[in-house]
Amino acid sequence: MAQKKNEAVPSVDEKVMPIAEESIHAGSFVNTFWDQFEQSRERALQLRENREDAYINALKEVIKFNKQYRNSIAKLYNQAKKTNKEMVSELMHQFNTGKEEPKEEVIFSNDREELKNQLKEVSGQLEKLALTPIKSVFHMVERLEDNFERNAESSINYARERRNAWLEVRKEYIKFARNTHLNLVERGKNSLKELVKTP
């Protein structure tokens, strides 16, 4: 009877270790990991491009607003100048129509008209001299804004071209890393199977 008991109980050498279930696919975990990595990288790239586009659009809007502001200031100045000239000519006309001029004053009146024309010419030249720095500053600011906009656009385009040039290299590295990871998991799985099979 003692022998029958020994036959029923397996010896330590005969014990079978539980085998890892084949239904667990380690490869699907690895593929999911690398798919999520690629998706997050693409989302980050898309967010970066969206930020760059938003920056360029905001820059264009600010430059457009500044140009409109400068144009409105110039129009306001021209309108004020036109209104002042109209008021001065109306006042001069009222002064001239209120008096009857004798012949002696006709000569003086001609001199006065010539003097008025000279004053208008001098005031026009003084106005041009006064406006020259303002116009040159406006022109310089406009050129700076245009240059800044062109530089920002070219910088962003260059960065995008550089990223796109490296995109294929990054894809190959990711593909290589994914395959290496899958191979390591497969080797580990096969090694575990062999380890479990060995008595």
C-alpha atoms as a PDB file:
ATOM      1  CA  MET A   1       0.000   0.000   0.000  1.00  0.00           C
ATOM      2  CA  ALA A   2       2.809   2.299   0.660  1.00  0.00           C
ATOM      3  CA  GLN A   3       3.924   1.955  -2.893  1.00  0.00           C
ATOM      4  CA  LYS A   4       0.481   2.836  -4.194  1.00  0.00           C
ATOM      5  CA  LYS A   5       0.536   6.030  -2.173  1.00  0.00           C
ATOM      6  CA  ASN A   6       3.872   6.998  -3.665  1.00  0.00           C
ATOM      7  CA  GLU A   7       2.612   6.413  -7.184  1.00  0.00           C
ATOM      8  CA  ALA A   8      -0.402   8.646  -6.646  1.00  0.00           C
ATOM      9  CA  VAL A   9       1.618  11.630  -5.440  1.00  0.00           C
ATOM     10  CA  PRO A  10       3.865  13.091  -8.125  1.00  0.00           C
ATOM     11  CA  SER A  11       7.448  13.695  -7.192  1.00  0.00           C
ATOM     12  CA  VAL A  12       9.048  17.113  -7.023  1.00  0.00           C
ATOM     13  CA  ASP A  13      10.740  16.554 -10.373  1.00  0.00           C
ATOM     14  CA  GLU A  14       7.477  15.698 -12.078  1.00  0.00           C
ATOM     15  CA  LYS A  15       5.578  18.843 -10.995  1.00  0.00           C
ATOM     16  CA  VAL A  16       4.467  20.932 -13.950  1.00  0.00           C
ATOM     17  CA  MET A  17       4.757  24.736 -13.717  1.00  0.00           C
ATOM     18  CA  PRO A  18       1.802  26.704 -15.076  1.00  0.00           C
ATOM     19  CA  ILE A  19       2.411  27.774 -18.663  1.00  0.00           C
ATOM     20  CA  ALA A  20       1.705  31.347 -19.643  1.00  0.00           C
ATOM     21  CA  GLU A  21      -1.507  31.512 -21.561  1.00  0.00           C
ATOM     22  CA  GLU A  22      -1.082  32.017 -25.286  1.00  0.00           C
ATOM     23  CA  SER A  23      -4.148  34.250 -25.433  1.00  0.00           C
ATOM     24  CA  ILE A  24      -2.216  37.122 -23.910  1.00  0.00           C
ATOM     25  CA  HIS A  25      -0.661  38.886 -26.797  1.00  0.00           C
ATOM     26  CA  ALA A  26       2.302  40.894 -25.697  1.00  0.00           C
ATOM     27  CA  GLY A  27       2.680  42.088 -29.264  1.00  0.00           C
ATOM     28  CA  SER A  28      -0.655  43.887 -29.128  1.00  0.00           C
ATOM     29  CA  PHE A  29       0.517  45.764 -26.036  1.00  0.00           C
ATOM     30  CA  VAL A  30       3.704  46.816 -27.825  1.00  0.00           C
ATOM     31  CA  ASN A  31       1.774  47.876 -30.937  1.00  0.00           C
ATOM     32  CA  THR A  32      -0.699  49.844 -28.826  1.00  0.00           C
ATOM     33  CA  PHE A  33       2.161  51.543 -27.007  1.00  0.00           C
ATOM     34  CA  TRP A  34       3.887  52.596 -30.240  1.00  0.00           C
ATOM     35  CA  ASP A  35       0.584  53.618 -31.894  1.00  0.00           C
ATOM     36  CA  GLN A  36      -0.182  55.892 -28.950  1.00  0.00           C
ATOM     37  CA  PHE A  37       3.326  57.281 -29.085  1.00  0.00           C
ATOM     38  CA  GLU A  38       2.947  58.139 -32.786  1.00  0.00           C
ATOM     39  CA  GLN A  39      -0.508  59.649 -32.220  1.00  0.00           C
ATOM     40  CA  SER A  40       0.755  61.845 -29.389  1.00  0.00           C
ATOM     41  CA  ARG A  41       3.709  62.943 -31.522  1.00  0.00           C
ATOM     42  CA  GLU A  42       1.360  63.821 -34.417  1.00  0.00           C
ATOM     43  CA  ARG A  43      -0.956  65.724 -32.051  1.00  0.00           C
ATOM     44  CA  ALA A  44       2.012  67.670 -30.689  1.00  0.00           C
ATOM     45  CA  LEU A  45       3.119  68.476 -34.240  1.00  0.00           C
ATOM     46  CA  GLN A  46      -0.404  69.590 -35.192  1.00  0.00           C
ATOM     47  CA  LEU A  47      -0.655  71.775 -32.065  1.00  0.00           C
ATOM     48  CA  ARG A  48       2.703  73.335 -32.878  1.00  0.00           C
ATOM     49  CA  GLU A  49       1.626  74.131 -36.449  1.00  0.00           C
ATOM     50  CA  ASN A  50      -1.679  75.549 -35.171  1.00  0.00           C
ATOM     51  CA  ARG A  51       0.238  77.819 -32.761  1.00  0.00           C
ATOM     52  CA  GLU A  52       2.504  78.959 -35.583  1.00  0.00           C
ATOM     53  CA  ASP A  53      -0.499  79.699 -37.821  1.00  0.00           C
ATOM     54  CA  ALA A  54      -2.221  81.570 -34.991  1.00  0.00           C
ATOM     55  CA  TYR A  55       0.956  83.616 -34.394  1.00  0.00           C
ATOM     56  CA  ILE A  56       1.201  84.580 -38.080  1.00  0.00           C
ATOM     57  CA  ASN A  57      -2.511  85.470 -38.224  1.00  0.00           C
ATOM     58  CA  ALA A  58      -2.261  87.600 -35.071  1.00  0.00           C
ATOM     59  CA  LEU A  59       0.837  89.319 -36.450  1.00  0.00           C
ATOM     60  CA  LYS A  60      -0.944  90.094 -39.733  1.00  0.00           C
ATOM     61  CA  GLU A  61      -3.971  91.452 -37.877  1.00  0.00           C
ATOM     62  CA  VAL A  62      -1.808  93.726 -35.695  1.00  0.00           C
ATOM     63  CA  ILE A  63       0.056  95.036 -38.752  1.00  0.00           C
ATOM     64  CA  LYS A  64      -3.237  95.573 -40.595  1.00  0.00           C
ATOM     65  CA  PHE A  65      -4.646  97.457 -37.590  1.00  0.00           C
ATOM     66  CA  ASN A  66      -1.511  99.618 -37.342  1.00  0.00           C
ATOM     67  CA  LYS A  67      -1.739 100.527 -41.046  1.00  0.00           C
ATOM     68  CA  GLN A  68      -5.403 101.434 -40.685  1.00  0.00           C
ATOM     69  CA  TYR A  69      -4.597 103.505 -37.603  1.00  0.00           C
ATOM     70  CA  ARG A  70      -1.849 105.413 -39.424  1.00  0.00           C
ATOM     71  CA  ASN A  71      -4.148 105.960 -42.421  1.00  0.00           C
ATOM     72  CA  SER A  72      -6.907 107.270 -40.155  1.00  0.00           C
ATOM     73  CA  ILE A  73      -4.436 109.679 -38.504  1.00  0.00           C
ATOM     74  CA  ALA A  74      -3.328 110.911 -41.942  1.00  0.00           C
ATOM     75  CA  LYS A  75      -6.954 111.323 -43.061  1.00  0.00           C
ATOM     76  CA  LEU A  76      -7.808 113.151 -39.846  1.00  0.00           C
ATOM     77  CA  TYR A  77      -4.875 115.517 -40.371  1.00  0.00           C
ATOM     78  CA  ASN A  78      -5.850 116.156 -44.012  1.00  0.00           C
ATOM     79  CA  GLN A  79      -9.444 116.791 -42.984  1.00  0.00           C
ATOM     80  CA  ALA A  80      -8.337 119.237 -40.251  1.00  0.00           C
ATOM     81  CA  LYS A  81      -6.034 120.998 -42.720  1.00  0.00           C
ATOM     82  CA  LYS A  82      -8.828 121.261 -45.301  1.00  0.00           C
ATOM     83  CA  THR A  83     -11.248 122.613 -42.678  1.00  0.00           C
ATOM     84  CA  ASN A  84      -8.692 125.209 -41.491  1.00  0.00           C
ATOM     85  CA  LYS A  85      -8.047 126.363 -45.066  1.00  0.00           C
ATOM     86  CA  GLU A  86     -11.763 126.698 -45.701  1.00  0.00           C
ATOM     87  CA  MET A  87     -12.223 128.689 -42.500  1.00  0.00           C
ATOM     88  CA  VAL A  88      -9.294 131.002 -43.321  1.00  0.00           C
ATOM     89  CA  SER A  89     -10.487 131.575 -46.885  1.00  0.00           C
ATOM     90  CA  GLU A  90     -14.018 132.266 -45.638  1.00  0.00           C
ATOM     91  CA  LEU A  91     -12.716 134.801 -43.102  1.00  0.00           C
ATOM     92  CA  MET A  92     -10.532 136.460 -45.713  1.00  0.00           C
ATOM     93  CA  HIS A  93     -13.478 136.612 -48.080  1.00  0.00           C
ATOM     94  CA  GLN A  94     -15.657 138.215 -45.401  1.00  0.00           C
ATOM     95  CA  PHE A  95     -12.980 140.825 -44.657  1.00  0.00           C
ATOM     96  CA  ASN A  96     -12.553 141.612 -48.338  1.00  0.00           C
ATOM     97  CA  THR A  97     -16.291 141.885 -49.142  1.00  0.00           C
ATOM     98  CA  GLY A  98     -16.999 144.206 -46.235  1.00  0.00           C
ATOM     99  CA  LYS A  99     -14.919 147.065 -47.703  1.00  0.00           C
ATOM    100  CA  GLU A 100     -15.281 149.102 -50.840  1.00  0.00           C
ATOM    101  CA  GLU A 101     -11.835 149.659 -52.194  1.00  0.00           C
ATOM    102  CA  PRO A 102     -10.870 152.984 -53.811  1.00  0.00           C
ATOM    103  CA  LYS A 103      -8.343 153.013 -56.669  1.00  0.00           C
ATOM    104  CA  GLU A 104      -5.424 153.676 -54.392  1.00  0.00           C
ATOM    105  CA  GLU A 105      -6.215 150.622 -52.367  1.00  0.00           C
ATOM    106  CA  VAL A 106      -6.530 148.452 -55.493  1.00  0.00           C
ATOM    107  CA  ILE A 107      -2.741 148.580 -55.861  1.00  0.00           C
ATOM    108  CA  PHE A 108      -2.391 147.810 -52.181  1.00  0.00           C
ATOM    109  CA  SER A 109      -4.948 145.007 -52.626  1.00  0.00           C
ATOM    110  CA  ASN A 110      -2.862 143.457 -55.425  1.00  0.00           C
ATOM    111  CA  ASP A 111       0.186 143.609 -53.177  1.00  0.00           C
ATOM    112  CA  ARG A 112      -1.852 142.045 -50.425  1.00  0.00           C
ATOM    113  CA  GLU A 113      -2.968 139.214 -52.756  1.00  0.00           C
ATOM    114  CA  GLU A 114       0.636 138.618 -53.784  1.00  0.00           C
ATOM    115  CA  LEU A 115       1.677 138.628 -50.135  1.00  0.00           C
ATOM    116  CA  LYS A 116      -1.123 136.152 -49.320  1.00  0.00           C
ATOM    117  CA  ASN A 117       0.030 133.863 -52.125  1.00  0.00           C
ATOM    118  CA  GLN A 118       3.602 134.046 -50.867  1.00  0.00           C
ATOM    119  CA  LEU A 119       2.448 133.310 -47.319  1.00  0.00           C
ATOM    120  CA  LYS A 120       0.463 130.328 -48.582  1.00  0.00           C
ATOM    121  CA  GLU A 121       3.497 129.047 -50.436  1.00  0.00           C
ATOM    122  CA  VAL A 122       5.756 129.552 -47.412  1.00  0.00           C
ATOM    123  CA  SER A 123       3.225 127.928 -45.083  1.00  0.00           C
ATOM    124  CA  GLY A 124       2.923 125.001 -47.524  1.00  0.00           C
ATOM    125  CA  GLN A 125       6.711 124.569 -47.549  1.00  0.00           C
ATOM    126  CA  LEU A 126       6.852 124.800 -43.740  1.00  0.00           C
ATOM    127  CA  GLU A 127       4.069 122.242 -43.530  1.00  0.00           C
ATOM    128  CA  LYS A 128       5.995 119.888 -45.836  1.00  0.00           C
ATOM    129  CA  LEU A 129       9.106 120.372 -43.706  1.00  0.00           C
ATOM    130  CA  ALA A 130       7.140 119.672 -40.534  1.00  0.00           C
ATOM    131  CA  LEU A 131       5.450 116.598 -42.025  1.00  0.00           C
ATOM    132  CA  THR A 132       8.616 115.095 -43.513  1.00  0.00           C
ATOM    133  CA  PRO A 133       9.837 113.519 -40.241  1.00  0.00           C
ATOM    134  CA  ILE A 134       6.366 112.198 -39.476  1.00  0.00           C
ATOM    135  CA  LYS A 135       5.958 110.730 -42.961  1.00  0.00           C
ATOM    136  CA  SER A 136       9.427 109.215 -42.853  1.00  0.00           C
ATOM    137  CA  VAL A 137       8.708 107.666 -39.433  1.00  0.00           C
ATOM    138  CA  PHE A 138       5.414 106.246 -40.743  1.00  0.00           C
ATOM    139  CA  HIS A 139       7.204 104.902 -43.819  1.00  0.00           C
ATOM    140  CA  MET A 140       9.996 103.398 -41.706  1.00  0.00           C
ATOM    141  CA  VAL A 141       7.514 101.758 -39.301  1.00  0.00           C
ATOM    142  CA  GLU A 142       5.588 100.329 -42.244  1.00  0.00           C
ATOM    143  CA  ARG A 143       8.764  98.876 -43.759  1.00  0.00           C
ATOM    144  CA  LEU A 144       9.785  97.424 -40.382  1.00  0.00           C
ATOM    145  CA  GLU A 145       6.382  95.796 -39.974  1.00  0.00           C
ATOM    146  CA  ASP A 146       6.497  94.343 -43.486  1.00  0.00           C
ATOM    147  CA  ASN A 147      10.031  93.029 -42.917  1.00  0.00           C
ATOM    148  CA  PHE A 148       9.032  91.567 -39.548  1.00  0.00           C
ATOM    149  CA  GLU A 149       6.037  89.809 -41.115  1.00  0.00           C
ATOM    150  CA  ARG A 150       8.127  88.396 -43.979  1.00  0.00           C
ATOM    151  CA  ASN A 151      10.856  87.252 -41.568  1.00  0.00           C
ATOM    152  CA  ALA A 152       8.343  85.550 -39.262  1.00  0.00           C
ATOM    153  CA  GLU A 153       6.695  83.747 -42.179  1.00  0.00           C
ATOM    154  CA  SER A 154      10.012  82.631 -43.657  1.00  0.00           C
ATOM    155  CA  SER A 155      11.232  81.477 -40.227  1.00  0.00           C
ATOM    156  CA  ILE A 156       8.129  79.380 -39.686  1.00  0.00           C
ATOM    157  CA  ASN A 157       8.307  77.974 -43.227  1.00  0.00           C
ATOM    158  CA  TYR A 158      11.968  77.063 -42.693  1.00  0.00           C
ATOM    159  CA  ALA A 159      11.158  75.345 -39.377  1.00  0.00           C
ATOM    160  CA  ARG A 160       8.366  73.368 -41.024  1.00  0.00           C
ATOM    161  CA  GLU A 161      10.582  72.322 -43.930  1.00  0.00           C
ATOM    162  CA  ARG A 162      13.278  71.238 -41.477  1.00  0.00           C
ATOM    163  CA  ARG A 163      10.757  69.224 -39.445  1.00  0.00           C
ATOM    164  CA  ASN A 164       9.363  67.605 -42.595  1.00  0.00           C
ATOM    165  CA  ALA A 165      12.864  66.714 -43.766  1.00  0.00           C
ATOM    166  CA  TRP A 166      13.495  64.857 -40.500  1.00  0.00           C
ATOM    167  CA  LEU A 167      10.030  63.299 -40.447  1.00  0.00           C
ATOM    168  CA  GLU A 168      11.003  60.331 -42.617  1.00  0.00           C
ATOM    169  CA  VAL A 169      14.086  59.694 -40.494  1.00  0.00           C
ATOM    170  CA  ARG A 170      11.980  59.788 -37.312  1.00  0.00           C
ATOM    171  CA  LYS A 171       9.440  57.412 -38.868  1.00  0.00           C
ATOM    172  CA  GLU A 172      12.197  54.949 -39.707  1.00  0.00           C
ATOM    173  CA  TYR A 173      13.612  55.154 -36.172  1.00  0.00           C
ATOM    174  CA  ILE A 174      10.158  54.568 -34.693  1.00  0.00           C
ATOM    175  CA  LYS A 175       9.573  51.647 -37.068  1.00  0.00           C
ATOM    176  CA  PHE A 176      12.950  50.170 -36.086  1.00  0.00           C
ATOM    177  CA  ALA A 177      12.253  50.697 -32.359  1.00  0.00           C
ATOM    178  CA  ARG A 178       8.813  49.074 -32.696  1.00  0.00           C
ATOM    179  CA  ASN A 179      10.257  46.039 -34.489  1.00  0.00           C
ATOM    180  CA  THR A 180      13.063  45.721 -31.941  1.00  0.00           C
ATOM    181  CA  HIS A 181      10.556  45.946 -29.098  1.00  0.00           C
ATOM    182  CA  LEU A 182       8.355  43.286 -30.705  1.00  0.00           C
ATOM    183  CA  ASN A 183      11.400  41.036 -31.242  1.00  0.00           C
ATOM    184  CA  LEU A 184      12.437  41.431 -27.591  1.00  0.00           C
ATOM    185  CA  VAL A 185       8.950  40.555 -26.395  1.00  0.00           C
ATOM    186  CA  GLU A 186       8.822  37.536 -28.721  1.00  0.00           C
ATOM    187  CA  ARG A 187      12.252  36.366 -27.544  1.00  0.00           C
ATOM    188  CA  GLY A 188      11.221  36.789 -23.925  1.00  0.00           C
ATOM    189  CA  LYS A 189       8.037  34.845 -24.555  1.00  0.00           C
ATOM    190  CA  ASN A 190       9.935  32.044 -26.321  1.00  0.00           C
ATOM    191  CA  SER A 191      12.573  31.947 -23.573  1.00  0.00           C
ATOM    192  CA  LEU A 192       9.838  31.705 -20.953  1.00  0.00           C
ATOM    193  CA  LYS A 193       8.231  28.815 -22.838  1.00  0.00           C
ATOM    194  CA  GLU A 194      11.578  27.013 -23.031  1.00  0.00           C
ATOM    195  CA  LEU A 195      12.226  27.689 -19.367  1.00  0.00           C
ATOM    196  CA  VAL A 196       8.850  26.294 -18.403  1.00  0.00           C
ATOM    197  CA  LYS A 197       9.300  23.202 -20.620  1.00  0.00           C
ATOM    198  CA  THR A 198      12.666  22.255 -19.161  1.00  0.00           C
ATOM    199  CA  PRO A 199      12.434  19.710 -16.372  1.00  0.00           C
END
